Amino acid sequence: MGIVLVNIAAIMLVLKKTTGIMRLPGGPIVPIIGLLSCFAELYLLGFMPIAWSFVAIGVGGLLYIGRKYFHNPVYHKELKAELEKYGGPVLRAMRKMEGHL
């Protein structure tokens, strides 16, 4: 299911004329072929693996929606204080997220 979304995103980026963000050899043909092959593979998998993937996507979506309920600001302050000592990409990401925490 994830590869389907990647191919759809690649098609959208290639077809977006205003920004010209992404260029692929052959234009959108490669992601379209990838998308068609993903749908063929999903068709051949059967019902149960696809049903379980939708269950997993649903659970992940619910966890994403409820992420603020499980947020612990004290833990984030401790983590940020520890990262201040070392720096790195995690600290930069947390600085960008400060307004959202």
PDB file of N, CA and C in Angstrom:
ATOM      1  N   MET A   1       0.815  -1.189   0.000  1.00  0.00           N
ATOM      2  CA  MET A   1       0.000   0.000   0.000  1.00  0.00           C
ATOM      3  C   MET A   1       0.863   1.259   0.000  1.00  0.00           C
ATOM      4  N   GLY A   2       1.987   1.196   0.696  1.00  0.00           N
ATOM      5  CA  GLY A   2       2.851   2.368   0.749  1.00  0.00           C
ATOM      6  C   GLY A   2       3.447   2.710  -0.605  1.00  0.00           C
ATOM      7  N   ILE A   3       3.796   1.693  -1.382  1.00  0.00           N
ATOM      8  CA  ILE A   3       4.374   1.918  -2.707  1.00  0.00           C
ATOM      9  C   ILE A   3       3.351   2.555  -3.641  1.00  0.00           C
ATOM     10  N   VAL A   4       2.071   2.215  -3.454  1.00  0.00           N
ATOM     11  CA  VAL A   4       1.021   2.855  -4.250  1.00  0.00           C
ATOM     12  C   VAL A   4       1.038   4.354  -4.000  1.00  0.00           C
ATOM     13  N   LEU A   5       1.130   4.739  -2.725  1.00  0.00           N
ATOM     14  CA  LEU A   5       1.156   6.165  -2.384  1.00  0.00           C
ATOM     15  C   LEU A   5       2.408   6.856  -2.916  1.00  0.00           C
ATOM     16  N   VAL A   6       3.535   6.174  -2.877  1.00  0.00           N
ATOM     17  CA  VAL A   6       4.777   6.751  -3.413  1.00  0.00           C
ATOM     18  C   VAL A   6       4.642   7.001  -4.909  1.00  0.00           C
ATOM     19  N   ASN A   7       4.074   6.044  -5.636  1.00  0.00           N
ATOM     20  CA  ASN A   7       3.898   6.227  -7.077  1.00  0.00           C
ATOM     21  C   ASN A   7       2.913   7.355  -7.390  1.00  0.00           C
ATOM     22  N   ILE A   8       1.836   7.444  -6.624  1.00  0.00           N
ATOM     23  CA  ILE A   8       0.880   8.539  -6.835  1.00  0.00           C
ATOM     24  C   ILE A   8       1.549   9.885  -6.570  1.00  0.00           C
ATOM     25  N   ALA A   9       2.337   9.969  -5.499  1.00  0.00           N
ATOM     26  CA  ALA A   9       3.043  11.224  -5.200  1.00  0.00           C
ATOM     27  C   ALA A   9       4.039  11.568  -6.305  1.00  0.00           C
ATOM     28  N   ALA A  10       4.735  10.564  -6.832  1.00  0.00           N
ATOM     29  CA  ALA A  10       5.692  10.827  -7.921  1.00  0.00           C
ATOM     30  C   ALA A  10       4.970  11.318  -9.171  1.00  0.00           C
ATOM     31  N   ILE A  11       3.823  10.728  -9.480  1.00  0.00           N
ATOM     32  CA  ILE A  11       3.048  11.182 -10.646  1.00  0.00           C
ATOM     33  C   ILE A  11       2.610  12.627 -10.459  1.00  0.00           C
ATOM     34  N   MET A  12       2.134  12.947  -9.255  1.00  0.00           N
ATOM     35  CA  MET A  12       1.678  14.317  -8.997  1.00  0.00           C
ATOM     36  C   MET A  12       2.822  15.318  -9.105  1.00  0.00           C
ATOM     37  N   LEU A  13       3.996  14.960  -8.588  1.00  0.00           N
ATOM     38  CA  LEU A  13       5.137  15.873  -8.663  1.00  0.00           C
ATOM     39  C   LEU A  13       5.622  16.070 -10.092  1.00  0.00           C
ATOM     40  N   VAL A  14       5.609  15.004 -10.887  1.00  0.00           N
ATOM     41  CA  VAL A  14       6.063  15.116 -12.273  1.00  0.00           C
ATOM     42  C   VAL A  14       5.089  15.955 -13.088  1.00  0.00           C
ATOM     43  N   LEU A  15       3.802  15.788 -12.827  1.00  0.00           N
ATOM     44  CA  LEU A  15       2.798  16.506 -13.617  1.00  0.00           C
ATOM     45  C   LEU A  15       2.605  17.955 -13.181  1.00  0.00           C
ATOM     46  N   LYS A  16       3.156  18.338 -12.043  1.00  0.00           N
ATOM     47  CA  LYS A  16       3.010  19.700 -11.557  1.00  0.00           C
ATOM     48  C   LYS A  16       3.890  20.621 -12.399  1.00  0.00           C
ATOM     49  N   LYS A  17       3.288  21.360 -13.300  1.00  0.00           N
ATOM     50  CA  LYS A  17       4.045  22.191 -14.248  1.00  0.00           C
ATOM     51  C   LYS A  17       4.551  23.482 -13.614  1.00  0.00           C
ATOM     52  N   THR A  18       3.855  23.997 -12.603  1.00  0.00           N
ATOM     53  CA  THR A  18       4.208  25.311 -12.062  1.00  0.00           C
ATOM     54  C   THR A  18       5.541  25.307 -11.331  1.00  0.00           C
ATOM     55  N   THR A  19       5.839  24.238 -10.605  1.00  0.00           N
ATOM     56  CA  THR A  19       7.074  24.235  -9.819  1.00  0.00           C
ATOM     57  C   THR A  19       8.221  23.523 -10.516  1.00  0.00           C
ATOM     58  N   GLY A  20       7.916  22.494 -11.267  1.00  0.00           N
ATOM     59  CA  GLY A  20       8.970  21.726 -11.916  1.00  0.00           C
ATOM     60  C   GLY A  20       9.910  21.096 -10.911  1.00  0.00           C
ATOM     61  N   ILE A  21       9.359  20.604  -9.812  1.00  0.00           N
ATOM     62  CA  ILE A  21      10.173  20.073  -8.728  1.00  0.00           C
ATOM     63  C   ILE A  21      10.935  18.818  -9.143  1.00  0.00           C
ATOM     64  N   MET A  22      10.263  17.959  -9.877  1.00  0.00           N
ATOM     65  CA  MET A  22      10.846  16.637 -10.134  1.00  0.00           C
ATOM     66  C   MET A  22      10.805  16.321 -11.622  1.00  0.00           C
ATOM     67  N   ARG A  23      11.904  15.786 -12.108  1.00  0.00           N
ATOM     68  CA  ARG A  23      11.957  15.348 -13.511  1.00  0.00           C
ATOM     69  C   ARG A  23      12.433  13.908 -13.531  1.00  0.00           C
ATOM     70  N   LEU A  24      11.685  13.082 -14.238  1.00  0.00           N
ATOM     71  CA  LEU A  24      12.053  11.681 -14.388  1.00  0.00           C
ATOM     72  C   LEU A  24      12.275  11.373 -15.857  1.00  0.00           C
ATOM     73  N   PRO A  25      13.181  10.455 -16.176  1.00  0.00           N
ATOM     74  CA  PRO A  25      13.309  10.041 -17.570  1.00  0.00           C
ATOM     75  C   PRO A  25      12.010   9.380 -18.018  1.00  0.00           C
ATOM     76  N   GLY A  26      11.444   9.847 -19.097  1.00  0.00           N
ATOM     77  CA  GLY A  26      10.178   9.305 -19.578  1.00  0.00           C
ATOM     78  C   GLY A  26       8.967   9.975 -18.965  1.00  0.00           C
ATOM     79  N   GLY A  27       9.183  11.005 -18.168  1.00  0.00           N
ATOM     80  CA  GLY A  27       8.067  11.712 -17.550  1.00  0.00           C
ATOM     81  C   GLY A  27       7.325  10.840 -16.554  1.00  0.00           C
ATOM     82  N   PRO A  28       6.004  10.892 -16.594  1.00  0.00           N
ATOM     83  CA  PRO A  28       5.230  10.132 -15.607  1.00  0.00           C
ATOM     84  C   PRO A  28       5.050   8.654 -15.959  1.00  0.00           C
ATOM     85  N   ILE A  29       5.692   8.195 -17.035  1.00  0.00           N
ATOM     86  CA  ILE A  29       5.479   6.814 -17.481  1.00  0.00           C
ATOM     87  C   ILE A  29       5.994   5.805 -16.447  1.00  0.00           C
ATOM     88  N   VAL A  30       7.162   6.049 -15.868  1.00  0.00           N
ATOM     89  CA  VAL A  30       7.734   5.100 -14.903  1.00  0.00           C
ATOM     90  C   VAL A  30       6.842   4.972 -13.664  1.00  0.00           C
ATOM     91  N   PRO A  31       6.395   6.079 -13.026  1.00  0.00           N
ATOM     92  CA  PRO A  31       5.515   5.888 -11.878  1.00  0.00           C
ATOM     93  C   PRO A  31       4.149   5.302 -12.248  1.00  0.00           C
ATOM     94  N   ILE A  32       3.661   5.570 -13.453  1.00  0.00           N
ATOM     95  CA  ILE A  32       2.387   4.980 -13.879  1.00  0.00           C
ATOM     96  C   ILE A  32       2.532   3.466 -14.016  1.00  0.00           C
ATOM     97  N   ILE A  33       3.642   3.017 -14.610  1.00  0.00           N
ATOM     98  CA  ILE A  33       3.895   1.572 -14.713  1.00  0.00           C
ATOM     99  C   ILE A  33       4.044   0.964 -13.319  1.00  0.00           C
ATOM    100  N   GLY A  34       4.733   1.669 -12.431  1.00  0.00           N
ATOM    101  CA  GLY A  34       4.866   1.197 -11.054  1.00  0.00           C
ATOM    102  C   GLY A  34       3.527   1.108 -10.348  1.00  0.00           C
ATOM    103  N   LEU A  35       2.665   2.086 -10.580  1.00  0.00           N
ATOM    104  CA  LEU A  35       1.340   2.080  -9.971  1.00  0.00           C
ATOM    105  C   LEU A  35       0.496   0.916 -10.490  1.00  0.00           C
ATOM    106  N   LEU A  36       0.547   0.693 -11.791  1.00  0.00           N
ATOM    107  CA  LEU A  36      -0.209  -0.425 -12.372  1.00  0.00           C
ATOM    108  C   LEU A  36       0.302  -1.767 -11.854  1.00  0.00           C
ATOM    109  N   SER A  37       1.615  -1.889 -11.719  1.00  0.00           N
ATOM    110  CA  SER A  37       2.152  -3.153 -11.201  1.00  0.00           C
ATOM    111  C   SER A  37       1.784  -3.349  -9.732  1.00  0.00           C
ATOM    112  N   CYS A  38       1.699  -2.265  -8.968  1.00  0.00           N
ATOM    113  CA  CYS A  38       1.271  -2.385  -7.565  1.00  0.00           C
ATOM    114  C   CYS A  38      -0.173  -2.858  -7.482  1.00  0.00           C
ATOM    115  N   PHE A  39      -1.042  -2.294  -8.320  1.00  0.00           N
ATOM    116  CA  PHE A  39      -2.436  -2.730  -8.310  1.00  0.00           C
ATOM    117  C   PHE A  39      -2.558  -4.191  -8.740  1.00  0.00           C
ATOM    118  N   ALA A  40      -1.743  -4.601  -9.709  1.00  0.00           N
ATOM    119  CA  ALA A  40      -1.767  -6.015 -10.127  1.00  0.00           C
ATOM    120  C   ALA A  40      -1.308  -6.911  -8.975  1.00  0.00           C
ATOM    121  N   GLU A  41      -0.295  -6.491  -8.265  1.00  0.00           N
ATOM    122  CA  GLU A  41       0.194  -7.278  -7.137  1.00  0.00           C
ATOM    123  C   GLU A  41      -0.854  -7.353  -6.025  1.00  0.00           C
ATOM    124  N   LEU A  42      -1.521  -6.232  -5.754  1.00  0.00           N
ATOM    125  CA  LEU A  42      -2.573  -6.244  -4.741  1.00  0.00           C
ATOM    126  C   LEU A  42      -3.710  -7.184  -5.136  1.00  0.00           C
ATOM    127  N   TYR A  43      -4.023  -7.218  -6.411  1.00  0.00           N
ATOM    128  CA  TYR A  43      -5.081  -8.103  -6.895  1.00  0.00           C
ATOM    129  C   TYR A  43      -4.696  -9.567  -6.694  1.00  0.00           C
ATOM    130  N   LEU A  44      -3.424  -9.877  -6.891  1.00  0.00           N
ATOM    131  CA  LEU A  44      -2.969 -11.262  -6.777  1.00  0.00           C
ATOM    132  C   LEU A  44      -2.725 -11.707  -5.334  1.00  0.00           C
ATOM    133  N   LEU A  45      -2.641 -10.760  -4.409  1.00  0.00           N
ATOM    134  CA  LEU A  45      -2.366 -11.121  -3.018  1.00  0.00           C
ATOM    135  C   LEU A  45      -3.519 -11.855  -2.348  1.00  0.00           C
ATOM    136  N   GLY A  46      -4.704 -11.497  -2.650  1.00  0.00           N
ATOM    137  CA  GLY A  46      -5.849 -12.089  -1.967  1.00  0.00           C
ATOM    138  C   GLY A  46      -6.451 -11.112  -0.981  1.00  0.00           C
ATOM    139  N   PHE A  47      -7.499 -11.548  -0.325  1.00  0.00           N
ATOM    140  CA  PHE A  47      -8.277 -10.650   0.519  1.00  0.00           C
ATOM    141  C   PHE A  47      -7.630 -10.386   1.877  1.00  0.00           C
ATOM    142  N   MET A  48      -7.185 -11.416   2.582  1.00  0.00           N
ATOM    143  CA  MET A  48      -6.719 -11.268   3.963  1.00  0.00           C
ATOM    144  C   MET A  48      -5.505 -10.350   4.116  1.00  0.00           C
ATOM    145  N   PRO A  49      -4.457 -10.466   3.315  1.00  0.00           N
ATOM    146  CA  PRO A  49      -3.334  -9.531   3.493  1.00  0.00           C
ATOM    147  C   PRO A  49      -3.739  -8.077   3.268  1.00  0.00           C
ATOM    148  N   ILE A  50      -4.625  -7.857   2.320  1.00  0.00           N
ATOM    149  CA  ILE A  50      -5.080  -6.493   2.058  1.00  0.00           C
ATOM    150  C   ILE A  50      -5.951  -6.004   3.211  1.00  0.00           C
ATOM    151  N   ALA A  51      -6.808  -6.876   3.731  1.00  0.00           N
ATOM    152  CA  ALA A  51      -7.659  -6.497   4.862  1.00  0.00           C
ATOM    153  C   ALA A  51      -6.803  -6.141   6.078  1.00  0.00           C
ATOM    154  N   TRP A  52      -5.782  -6.951   6.346  1.00  0.00           N
ATOM    155  CA  TRP A  52      -4.896  -6.654   7.478  1.00  0.00           C
ATOM    156  C   TRP A  52      -4.116  -5.362   7.273  1.00  0.00           C
ATOM    157  N   SER A  53      -3.757  -5.056   6.032  1.00  0.00           N
ATOM    158  CA  SER A  53      -3.045  -3.797   5.792  1.00  0.00           C
ATOM    159  C   SER A  53      -3.957  -2.608   6.054  1.00  0.00           C
ATOM    160  N   PHE A  54      -5.245  -2.726   5.705  1.00  0.00           N
ATOM    161  CA  PHE A  54      -6.178  -1.640   6.009  1.00  0.00           C
ATOM    162  C   PHE A  54      -6.393  -1.503   7.517  1.00  0.00           C
ATOM    163  N   VAL A  55      -6.410  -2.613   8.233  1.00  0.00           N
ATOM    164  CA  VAL A  55      -6.509  -2.556   9.693  1.00  0.00           C
ATOM    165  C   VAL A  55      -5.286  -1.838  10.265  1.00  0.00           C
ATOM    166  N   ALA A  56      -4.096  -2.186   9.776  1.00  0.00           N
ATOM    167  CA  ALA A  56      -2.867  -1.544  10.256  1.00  0.00           C
ATOM    168  C   ALA A  56      -2.866  -0.057   9.936  1.00  0.00           C
ATOM    169  N   ILE A  57      -3.320   0.306   8.750  1.00  0.00           N
ATOM    170  CA  ILE A  57      -3.396   1.720   8.380  1.00  0.00           C
ATOM    171  C   ILE A  57      -4.390   2.442   9.283  1.00  0.00           C
ATOM    172  N   GLY A  58      -5.519   1.802   9.586  1.00  0.00           N
ATOM    173  CA  GLY A  58      -6.516   2.402  10.472  1.00  0.00           C
ATOM    174  C   GLY A  58      -5.986   2.622  11.877  1.00  0.00           C
ATOM    175  N   VAL A  59      -5.297   1.622  12.424  1.00  0.00           N
ATOM    176  CA  VAL A  59      -4.717   1.762  13.762  1.00  0.00           C
ATOM    177  C   VAL A  59      -3.660   2.861  13.762  1.00  0.00           C
ATOM    178  N   GLY A  60      -2.824   2.874  12.739  1.00  0.00           N
ATOM    179  CA  GLY A  60      -1.813   3.934  12.653  1.00  0.00           C
ATOM    180  C   GLY A  60      -2.450   5.309  12.540  1.00  0.00           C
ATOM    181  N   GLY A  61      -3.533   5.411  11.782  1.00  0.00           N
ATOM    182  CA  GLY A  61      -4.233   6.687  11.663  1.00  0.00           C
ATOM    183  C   GLY A  61      -4.819   7.139  12.986  1.00  0.00           C
ATOM    184  N   LEU A  62      -5.399   6.206  13.745  1.00  0.00           N
ATOM    185  CA  LEU A  62      -5.947   6.555  15.058  1.00  0.00           C
ATOM    186  C   LEU A  62      -4.843   6.995  16.021  1.00  0.00           C
ATOM    187  N   LEU A  63      -3.711   6.313  15.987  1.00  0.00           N
ATOM    188  CA  LEU A  63      -2.590   6.730  16.829  1.00  0.00           C
ATOM    189  C   LEU A  63      -2.081   8.108  16.431  1.00  0.00           C
ATOM    190  N   TYR A  64      -2.064   8.384  15.140  1.00  0.00           N
ATOM    191  CA  TYR A  64      -1.621   9.703  14.674  1.00  0.00           C
ATOM    192  C   TYR A  64      -2.595  10.789  15.127  1.00  0.00           C
ATOM    193  N   ILE A  65      -3.883  10.504  15.025  1.00  0.00           N
ATOM    194  CA  ILE A  65      -4.882  11.487  15.447  1.00  0.00           C
ATOM    195  C   ILE A  65      -4.787  11.740  16.951  1.00  0.00           C
ATOM    196  N   GLY A  66      -4.553  10.685  17.732  1.00  0.00           N
ATOM    197  CA  GLY A  66      -4.488  10.834  19.180  1.00  0.00           C
ATOM    198  C   GLY A  66      -3.115  11.115  19.733  1.00  0.00           C
ATOM    199  N   ARG A  67      -2.177  11.513  18.901  1.00  0.00           N
ATOM    200  CA  ARG A  67      -0.798  11.697  19.358  1.00  0.00           C
ATOM    201  C   ARG A  67      -0.670  12.785  20.414  1.00  0.00           C
ATOM    202  N   LYS A  68      -1.510  13.812  20.382  1.00  0.00           N
ATOM    203  CA  LYS A  68      -1.410  14.886  21.369  1.00  0.00           C
ATOM    204  C   LYS A  68      -1.891  14.411  22.734  1.00  0.00           C
ATOM    205  N   TYR A  69      -2.764  13.400  22.757  1.00  0.00           N
ATOM    206  CA  TYR A  69      -3.240  12.856  24.022  1.00  0.00           C
ATOM    207  C   TYR A  69      -2.097  12.162  24.768  1.00  0.00           C
ATOM    208  N   PHE A  70      -1.193  11.538  24.046  1.00  0.00           N
ATOM    209  CA  PHE A  70      -0.078  10.809  24.642  1.00  0.00           C
ATOM    210  C   PHE A  70       1.176  11.671  24.791  1.00  0.00           C
ATOM    211  N   HIS A  71       1.065  12.935  24.470  1.00  0.00           N
ATOM    212  CA  HIS A  71       2.213  13.843  24.518  1.00  0.00           C
ATOM    213  C   HIS A  71       2.590  14.119  25.971  1.00  0.00           C
ATOM    214  N   ASN A  72       3.870  14.051  26.274  1.00  0.00           N
ATOM    215  CA  ASN A  72       4.363  14.324  27.613  1.00  0.00           C
ATOM    216  C   ASN A  72       5.391  15.445  27.535  1.00  0.00           C
ATOM    217  N   PRO A  73       4.997  16.689  27.872  1.00  0.00           N
ATOM    218  CA  PRO A  73       5.927  17.815  27.725  1.00  0.00           C
ATOM    219  C   PRO A  73       7.158  17.706  28.621  1.00  0.00           C
ATOM    220  N   VAL A  74       7.026  17.058  29.782  1.00  0.00           N
ATOM    221  CA  VAL A  74       8.187  16.912  30.675  1.00  0.00           C
ATOM    222  C   VAL A  74       9.249  16.055  30.004  1.00  0.00           C
ATOM    223  N   TYR A  75       8.820  14.970  29.367  1.00  0.00           N
ATOM    224  CA  TYR A  75       9.765  14.100  28.681  1.00  0.00           C
ATOM    225  C   TYR A  75      10.464  14.847  27.552  1.00  0.00           C
ATOM    226  N   HIS A  76       9.724  15.659  26.810  1.00  0.00           N
ATOM    227  CA  HIS A  76      10.332  16.401  25.714  1.00  0.00           C
ATOM    228  C   HIS A  76      11.336  17.429  26.225  1.00  0.00           C
ATOM    229  N   LYS A  77      11.071  18.045  27.378  1.00  0.00           N
ATOM    230  CA  LYS A  77      12.029  19.001  27.951  1.00  0.00           C
ATOM    231  C   LYS A  77      13.316  18.287  28.364  1.00  0.00           C
ATOM    232  N   GLU A  78      13.166  17.101  28.979  1.00  0.00           N
ATOM    233  CA  GLU A  78      14.355  16.331  29.367  1.00  0.00           C
ATOM    234  C   GLU A  78      15.154  15.916  28.136  1.00  0.00           C
ATOM    235  N   LEU A  79      14.462  15.456  27.105  1.00  0.00           N
ATOM    236  CA  LEU A  79      15.137  15.041  25.880  1.00  0.00           C
ATOM    237  C   LEU A  79      15.848  16.220  25.226  1.00  0.00           C
ATOM    238  N   LYS A  80      15.204  17.372  25.207  1.00  0.00           N
ATOM    239  CA  LYS A  80      15.816  18.553  24.594  1.00  0.00           C
ATOM    240  C   LYS A  80      17.046  18.988  25.377  1.00  0.00           C
ATOM    241  N   ALA A  81      16.976  18.943  26.714  1.00  0.00           N
ATOM    242  CA  ALA A  81      18.129  19.311  27.527  1.00  0.00           C
ATOM    243  C   ALA A  81      19.301  18.375  27.265  1.00  0.00           C
ATOM    244  N   GLU A  82      19.005  17.091  27.112  1.00  0.00           N
ATOM    245  CA  GLU A  82      20.067  16.121  26.825  1.00  0.00           C
ATOM    246  C   GLU A  82      20.663  16.354  25.435  1.00  0.00           C
ATOM    247  N   LEU A  83      19.805  16.677  24.475  1.00  0.00           N
ATOM    248  CA  LEU A  83      20.290  16.890  23.114  1.00  0.00           C
ATOM    249  C   LEU A  83      21.067  18.191  22.969  1.00  0.00           C
ATOM    250  N   GLU A  84      20.795  19.171  23.836  1.00  0.00           N
ATOM    251  CA  GLU A  84      21.534  20.435  23.784  1.00  0.00           C
ATOM    252  C   GLU A  84      23.028  20.178  23.975  1.00  0.00           C
ATOM    253  N   LYS A  85      23.359  19.137  24.726  1.00  0.00           N
ATOM    254  CA  LYS A  85      24.764  18.820  24.965  1.00  0.00           C
ATOM    255  C   LYS A  85      25.458  18.372  23.683  1.00  0.00           C
ATOM    256  N   TYR A  86      24.714  17.629  22.827  1.00  0.00           N
ATOM    257  CA  TYR A  86      25.334  16.978  21.690  1.00  0.00           C
ATOM    258  C   TYR A  86      24.976  17.597  20.346  1.00  0.00           C
ATOM    259  N   GLY A  87      23.817  18.220  20.223  1.00  0.00           N
ATOM    260  CA  GLY A  87      23.393  18.808  18.952  1.00  0.00           C
ATOM    261  C   GLY A  87      22.962  17.740  17.968  1.00  0.00           C
ATOM    262  N   GLY A  88      22.983  18.079  16.681  1.00  0.00           N
ATOM    263  CA  GLY A  88      22.643  17.108  15.655  1.00  0.00           C
ATOM    264  C   GLY A  88      21.284  17.348  15.032  1.00  0.00           C
ATOM    265  N   PRO A  89      20.893  16.468  14.115  1.00  0.00           N
ATOM    266  CA  PRO A  89      19.644  16.665  13.371  1.00  0.00           C
ATOM    267  C   PRO A  89      18.391  16.547  14.237  1.00  0.00           C
ATOM    268  N   VAL A  90      18.440  15.731  15.301  1.00  0.00           N
ATOM    269  CA  VAL A  90      17.261  15.601  16.154  1.00  0.00           C
ATOM    270  C   VAL A  90      16.986  16.921  16.870  1.00  0.00           C
ATOM    271  N   LEU A  91      18.044  17.573  17.336  1.00  0.00           N
ATOM    272  CA  LEU A  91      17.874  18.857  18.012  1.00  0.00           C
ATOM    273  C   LEU A  91      17.330  19.907  17.050  1.00  0.00           C
ATOM    274  N   ARG A  92      17.825  19.920  15.817  1.00  0.00           N
ATOM    275  CA  ARG A  92      17.310  20.878  14.832  1.00  0.00           C
ATOM    276  C   ARG A  92      15.828  20.634  14.565  1.00  0.00           C
ATOM    277  N   ALA A  93      15.427  19.379  14.476  1.00  0.00           N
ATOM    278  CA  ALA A  93      14.015  19.057  14.264  1.00  0.00           C
ATOM    279  C   ALA A  93      13.169  19.487  15.451  1.00  0.00           C
ATOM    280  N   MET A  94      13.694  19.288  16.656  1.00  0.00           N
ATOM    281  CA  MET A  94      12.918  19.697  17.836  1.00  0.00           C
ATOM    282  C   MET A  94      12.802  21.217  17.923  1.00  0.00           C
ATOM    283  N   ARG A  95      13.819  21.937  17.503  1.00  0.00           N
ATOM    284  CA  ARG A  95      13.725  23.402  17.510  1.00  0.00           C
ATOM    285  C   ARG A  95      12.652  23.876  16.539  1.00  0.00           C
ATOM    286  N   LYS A  96      12.539  23.212  15.405  1.00  0.00           N
ATOM    287  CA  LYS A  96      11.496  23.580  14.446  1.00  0.00           C
ATOM    288  C   LYS A  96      10.112  23.251  14.977  1.00  0.00           C
ATOM    289  N   MET A  97      10.012  22.214  15.815  1.00  0.00           N
ATOM    290  CA  MET A  97       8.721  21.777  16.321  1.00  0.00           C
ATOM    291  C   MET A  97       8.292  22.488  17.596  1.00  0.00           C
ATOM    292  N   GLU A  98       9.123  23.369  18.162  1.00  0.00           N
ATOM    293  CA  GLU A  98       8.815  23.978  19.453  1.00  0.00           C
ATOM    294  C   GLU A  98       7.447  24.632  19.496  1.00  0.00           C
ATOM    295  N   GLY A  99       7.037  25.246  18.418  1.00  0.00           N
ATOM    296  CA  GLY A  99       5.722  25.883  18.398  1.00  0.00           C
ATOM    297  C   GLY A  99       4.589  24.893  18.330  1.00  0.00           C
ATOM    298  N   HIS A 100       4.887  23.662  17.927  1.00  0.00           N
ATOM    299  CA  HIS A 100       3.847  22.656  17.751  1.00  0.00           C
ATOM    300  C   HIS A 100       3.726  21.721  18.935  1.00  0.00           C
ATOM    301  N   LEU A 101       4.702  21.747  19.874  1.00  0.00           N
ATOM    302  CA  LEU A 101       4.675  20.805  21.002  1.00  0.00           C
ATOM    303  C   LEU A 101       3.776  21.271  22.094  1.00  0.00           C
TER     304      LEU A 101
END
